[in-house]
Amino acid sequence: MGLQGGPDKGWPIEGIVELSFPDEETAKIVYESVLYEHKSVPYRRSRIEFLRDGKKVVIRFLAKDNSALRGTLNSYLRWIKVAVDSLEL
């Protein structure tokens, strides 16, 4: 996974969210739109790997608890939605 941690290291929640887009260009635009937020927001109770794989944007995560998971994923999905909505203008 590339992330340091796991259930035995105090990070009991682990998962991957993959979002598919119609083409690589759209995925690239969305990825690059969210990348600044990804790099600038410090999370203490979750770890995130954010990447693009062709037509997909991938969020890999570790979280200490359900609240950390929910907050982190809500942030990323909200940023991605804003990027997608602005493409539709």
Protein backbone atom coordinates (compact mmCIF):
# COMPACT_ATOMS: atom_id res chain seq x y z
CA MET A 1 0.00 0.00 0.00
CA GLY A 2 2.87 2.43 0.50
CA LEU A 3 1.47 3.80 3.77
CA GLN A 4 3.24 3.08 7.04
CA GLY A 5 0.95 1.54 9.61
CA GLY A 6 -1.89 -0.93 9.83
CA PRO A 7 -3.99 -2.62 12.50
CA ASP A 8 -0.97 -3.74 14.48
CA LYS A 9 0.50 -0.20 14.49
CA GLY A 10 -2.56 1.58 15.90
CA TRP A 11 -4.21 2.31 12.54
CA PRO A 12 -7.15 -0.15 12.60
CA ILE A 13 -9.05 1.23 9.60
CA GLU A 14 -7.54 0.76 6.17
CA GLY A 15 -9.03 1.09 2.72
CA ILE A 16 -9.00 2.37 -0.84
CA VAL A 17 -11.44 4.56 -2.75
CA GLU A 18 -11.07 4.55 -6.54
CA LEU A 19 -12.94 7.10 -8.63
CA SER A 20 -13.12 6.47 -12.39
CA PHE A 21 -13.41 9.31 -14.87
CA PRO A 22 -14.35 9.29 -18.57
CA ASP A 23 -10.78 9.97 -19.71
CA GLU A 24 -7.25 10.54 -18.42
CA GLU A 25 -7.41 14.30 -18.99
CA THR A 26 -10.41 14.67 -16.67
CA ALA A 27 -8.74 12.51 -14.03
CA LYS A 28 -5.56 14.59 -14.32
CA ILE A 29 -7.45 17.88 -13.91
CA VAL A 30 -9.34 16.61 -10.86
CA TYR A 31 -6.18 15.14 -9.33
CA GLU A 32 -4.17 18.31 -9.83
CA SER A 33 -7.03 20.43 -8.47
CA VAL A 34 -7.04 18.50 -5.18
CA LEU A 35 -3.29 17.93 -4.91
CA TYR A 36 -2.58 21.28 -3.19
CA GLU A 37 -5.12 20.52 -0.46
CA HIS A 38 -3.69 17.03 -0.08
CA LYS A 39 -0.18 18.39 0.45
CA SER A 40 -1.14 21.26 2.74
CA VAL A 41 -3.66 19.79 5.21
CA PRO A 42 -2.08 17.94 8.16
CA TYR A 43 -4.03 15.01 9.54
CA ARG A 44 -3.10 13.51 12.89
CA ARG A 45 -5.55 10.64 13.07
CA SER A 46 -5.37 9.51 9.45
CA ARG A 47 -2.79 8.96 6.75
CA ILE A 48 -3.59 9.43 3.10
CA GLU A 49 -1.94 8.45 -0.15
CA PHE A 50 -3.52 10.37 -3.03
CA LEU A 51 -2.63 9.40 -6.59
CA ARG A 52 -3.80 9.15 -10.16
CA ASP A 53 -3.69 5.94 -12.17
CA GLY A 54 -4.75 6.60 -15.76
CA LYS A 55 -8.47 7.40 -15.69
CA LYS A 56 -8.70 6.83 -11.93
CA VAL A 57 -8.06 8.99 -8.89
CA VAL A 58 -7.16 6.80 -5.93
CA ILE A 59 -7.37 7.60 -2.22
CA ARG A 60 -5.62 5.08 0.01
CA PHE A 61 -6.04 5.65 3.71
CA LEU A 62 -5.31 4.55 7.23
CA ALA A 63 -7.35 5.94 10.12
CA LYS A 64 -7.25 5.63 13.88
CA ASP A 65 -11.06 5.68 14.28
CA ASN A 66 -14.35 6.07 12.40
CA SER A 67 -14.55 9.81 13.02
CA ALA A 68 -11.11 10.35 11.50
CA LEU A 69 -12.08 8.20 8.53
CA ARG A 70 -15.35 10.06 7.98
CA GLY A 71 -13.75 13.50 8.28
CA THR A 72 -10.86 12.68 5.99
CA LEU A 73 -12.96 11.06 3.28
CA ASN A 74 -15.58 13.83 3.45
CA SER A 75 -12.85 16.40 2.85
CA TYR A 76 -11.37 14.58 -0.14
CA LEU A 77 -14.74 13.79 -1.70
CA ARG A 78 -15.90 17.39 -1.25
CA TRP A 79 -12.71 18.73 -2.91
CA ILE A 80 -13.15 16.26 -5.77
CA LYS A 81 -16.80 17.27 -6.20
CA VAL A 82 -15.84 20.94 -6.43
CA ALA A 83 -13.26 20.08 -9.12
CA VAL A 84 -15.77 18.01 -11.10
CA ASP A 85 -18.50 20.66 -10.77
CA SER A 86 -16.16 23.36 -12.06
CA LEU A 87 -15.35 21.22 -15.10
CA GLU A 88 -19.04 21.15 -15.97
CA LEU A 89 -19.33 24.97 -16.14
